[in-house]
PDB file of N, CA and C in Angstrom:
ATOM      1  N   MET A   1      44.310 -90.390 -66.746  1.00  0.00           N
ATOM      2  CA  MET A   1      45.267 -90.426 -65.642  1.00  0.00           C
ATOM      3  C   MET A   1      45.409 -91.753 -65.136  1.00  0.00           C
ATOM      4  N   ASN A   2      46.621 -92.230 -64.745  1.00  0.00           N
ATOM      5  CA  ASN A   2      46.836 -93.563 -64.200  1.00  0.00           C
ATOM      6  C   ASN A   2      46.475 -93.628 -62.766  1.00  0.00           C
ATOM      7  N   THR A   3      45.988 -94.769 -62.317  1.00  0.00           N
ATOM      8  CA  THR A   3      45.611 -94.980 -60.918  1.00  0.00           C
ATOM      9  C   THR A   3      46.692 -95.755 -60.236  1.00  0.00           C
ATOM     10  N   ILE A   4      47.027 -95.320 -59.032  1.00  0.00           N
ATOM     11  CA  ILE A   4      48.054 -96.026 -58.278  1.00  0.00           C
ATOM     12  C   ILE A   4      47.379 -97.243 -57.639  1.00  0.00           C
ATOM     13  N   ARG A   5      47.908 -98.444 -57.867  1.00  0.00           N
ATOM     14  CA  ARG A   5      47.311 -99.622 -57.422  1.00  0.00           C
ATOM     15  C   ARG A   5      48.001-100.207 -56.171  1.00  0.00           C
ATOM     16  N   SER A   6      49.250 -99.837 -56.020  1.00  0.00           N
ATOM     17  CA  SER A   6      50.019-100.335 -54.910  1.00  0.00           C
ATOM     18  C   SER A   6      51.083 -99.333 -54.506  1.00  0.00           C
ATOM     19  N   ILE A   7      51.559 -99.457 -53.303  1.00  0.00           N
ATOM     20  CA  ILE A   7      52.648 -98.560 -52.816  1.00  0.00           C
ATOM     21  C   ILE A   7      53.583 -99.431 -51.890  1.00  0.00           C
ATOM     22  N   CYS A   8      54.799 -99.108 -51.949  1.00  0.00           N
ATOM     23  CA  CYS A   8      55.842 -99.825 -51.100  1.00  0.00           C
ATOM     24  C   CYS A   8      56.525 -98.795 -50.268  1.00  0.00           C
ATOM     25  N   VAL A   9      56.623 -98.996 -48.980  1.00  0.00           N
ATOM     26  CA  VAL A   9      57.335 -98.125 -48.099  1.00  0.00           C
ATOM     27  C   VAL A   9      58.343 -98.942 -47.330  1.00  0.00           C
ATOM     28  N   TYR A  10      59.678 -98.662 -47.529  1.00  0.00           N
ATOM     29  CA  TYR A  10      60.705 -99.370 -46.892  1.00  0.00           C
ATOM     30  C   TYR A  10      60.760 -98.897 -45.434  1.00  0.00           C
ATOM     31  N   CYS A  11      60.672 -99.816 -44.500  1.00  0.00           N
ATOM     32  CA  CYS A  11      60.630 -99.451 -43.075  1.00  0.00           C
ATOM     33  C   CYS A  11      61.846 -99.826 -42.331  1.00  0.00           C
ATOM     34  N   GLY A  12      62.825-100.472 -42.925  1.00  0.00           N
ATOM     35  CA  GLY A  12      64.062-100.827 -42.262  1.00  0.00           C
ATOM     36  C   GLY A  12      63.954-102.271 -41.836  1.00  0.00           C
ATOM     37  N   SER A  13      65.100-102.726 -41.296  1.00  0.00           N
ATOM     38  CA  SER A  13      65.185-104.139 -40.881  1.00  0.00           C
ATOM     39  C   SER A  13      65.142-104.375 -39.402  1.00  0.00           C
ATOM     40  N   SER A  14      65.100-103.260 -38.629  1.00  0.00           N
ATOM     41  CA  SER A  14      64.963-103.420 -37.181  1.00  0.00           C
ATOM     42  C   SER A  14      64.235-102.141 -36.604  1.00  0.00           C
ATOM     43  N   PRO A  15      63.598-102.290 -35.498  1.00  0.00           N
ATOM     44  CA  PRO A  15      62.844-101.174 -34.979  1.00  0.00           C
ATOM     45  C   PRO A  15      63.698 -99.987 -34.563  1.00  0.00           C
ATOM     46  N   GLY A  16      64.971-100.224 -34.206  1.00  0.00           N
ATOM     47  CA  GLY A  16      65.837 -99.124 -33.807  1.00  0.00           C
ATOM     48  C   GLY A  16      65.426 -98.570 -32.413  1.00  0.00           C
ATOM     49  N   ARG A  17      66.049 -97.470 -32.075  1.00  0.00           N
ATOM     50  CA  ARG A  17      65.804 -96.842 -30.782  1.00  0.00           C
ATOM     51  C   ARG A  17      64.872 -95.639 -30.787  1.00  0.00           C
ATOM     52  N   ASP A  18      64.743 -95.009 -31.947  1.00  0.00           N
ATOM     53  CA  ASP A  18      63.927 -93.819 -32.048  1.00  0.00           C
ATOM     54  C   ASP A  18      62.488 -94.158 -32.464  1.00  0.00           C
ATOM     55  N   VAL A  19      61.567 -94.001 -31.508  1.00  0.00           N
ATOM     56  CA  VAL A  19      60.148 -94.377 -31.865  1.00  0.00           C
ATOM     57  C   VAL A  19      59.544 -93.356 -32.824  1.00  0.00           C
ATOM     58  N   THR A  20      60.180 -92.250 -33.088  1.00  0.00           N
ATOM     59  CA  THR A  20      59.662 -91.262 -33.966  1.00  0.00           C
ATOM     60  C   THR A  20      59.403 -91.875 -35.366  1.00  0.00           C
ATOM     61  N   TYR A  21      60.293 -92.688 -35.823  1.00  0.00           N
ATOM     62  CA  TYR A  21      60.124 -93.338 -37.157  1.00  0.00           C
ATOM     63  C   TYR A  21      58.939 -94.294 -37.178  1.00  0.00           C
ATOM     64  N   ALA A  22      58.768 -95.057 -36.109  1.00  0.00           N
ATOM     65  CA  ALA A  22      57.677 -95.983 -36.045  1.00  0.00           C
ATOM     66  C   ALA A  22      56.372 -95.233 -36.027  1.00  0.00           C
ATOM     67  N   LYS A  23      56.306 -94.157 -35.284  1.00  0.00           N
ATOM     68  CA  LYS A  23      55.089 -93.348 -35.220  1.00  0.00           C
ATOM     69  C   LYS A  23      54.753 -92.743 -36.593  1.00  0.00           C
ATOM     70  N   ALA A  24      55.823 -92.218 -37.257  1.00  0.00           N
ATOM     71  CA  ALA A  24      55.657 -91.636 -38.610  1.00  0.00           C
ATOM     72  C   ALA A  24      55.110 -92.673 -39.651  1.00  0.00           C
ATOM     73  N   GLY A  25      55.722 -93.832 -39.516  1.00  0.00           N
ATOM     74  CA  GLY A  25      55.275 -94.976 -40.420  1.00  0.00           C
ATOM     75  C   GLY A  25      53.839 -95.356 -40.186  1.00  0.00           C
ATOM     76  N   HIS A  26      53.457 -95.380 -38.958  1.00  0.00           N
ATOM     77  CA  HIS A  26      52.039 -95.703 -38.528  1.00  0.00           C
ATOM     78  C   HIS A  26      51.074 -94.653 -39.121  1.00  0.00           C
ATOM     79  N   LEU A  27      51.511 -93.400 -38.914  1.00  0.00           N
ATOM     80  CA  LEU A  27      50.661 -92.278 -39.422  1.00  0.00           C
ATOM     81  C   LEU A  27      50.547 -92.293 -40.970  1.00  0.00           C
ATOM     82  N   LEU A  28      51.684 -92.599 -41.626  1.00  0.00           N
ATOM     83  CA  LEU A  28      51.630 -92.694 -43.098  1.00  0.00           C
ATOM     84  C   LEU A  28      50.766 -93.854 -43.580  1.00  0.00           C
ATOM     85  N   GLY A  29      50.825 -94.984 -42.879  1.00  0.00           N
ATOM     86  CA  GLY A  29      49.911 -96.083 -43.258  1.00  0.00           C
ATOM     87  C   GLY A  29      48.481 -95.777 -43.096  1.00  0.00           C
ATOM     88  N   ARG A  30      48.153 -95.155 -41.987  1.00  0.00           N
ATOM     89  CA  ARG A  30      46.765 -94.790 -41.677  1.00  0.00           C
ATOM     90  C   ARG A  30      46.238 -93.805 -42.782  1.00  0.00           C
ATOM     91  N   SER A  31      47.078 -92.834 -43.070  1.00  0.00           N
ATOM     92  CA  SER A  31      46.794 -91.805 -44.099  1.00  0.00           C
ATOM     93  C   SER A  31      46.516 -92.419 -45.451  1.00  0.00           C
ATOM     94  N   ILE A  32      47.418 -93.377 -45.845  1.00  0.00           N
ATOM     95  CA  ILE A  32      47.221 -94.045 -47.161  1.00  0.00           C
ATOM     96  C   ILE A  32      45.963 -94.855 -47.167  1.00  0.00           C
ATOM     97  N   ALA A  33      45.693 -95.604 -46.121  1.00  0.00           N
ATOM     98  CA  ALA A  33      44.510 -96.416 -45.990  1.00  0.00           C
ATOM     99  C   ALA A  33      43.257 -95.556 -46.050  1.00  0.00           C
ATOM    100  N   LYS A  34      43.249 -94.425 -45.320  1.00  0.00           N
ATOM    101  CA  LYS A  34      42.061 -93.540 -45.315  1.00  0.00           C
ATOM    102  C   LYS A  34      41.808 -92.983 -46.670  1.00  0.00           C
ATOM    103  N   SER A  35      42.855 -92.716 -47.435  1.00  0.00           N
ATOM    104  CA  SER A  35      42.689 -92.107 -48.764  1.00  0.00           C
ATOM    105  C   SER A  35      42.109 -93.118 -49.830  1.00  0.00           C
ATOM    106  N   GLY A  36      42.191 -94.385 -49.417  1.00  0.00           N
ATOM    107  CA  GLY A  36      41.627 -95.416 -50.308  1.00  0.00           C
ATOM    108  C   GLY A  36      42.565 -95.794 -51.369  1.00  0.00           C
TER     109      GLY A  36
END
């Protein structure tokens, strides 16, 4: 089985007005980091 060595998540070019996306991105990053 192949091992994933890197991941790219497009986050947009500006923070925007809806903090929901920033919170979701933060949670995704923490989950990926925790998984190793």
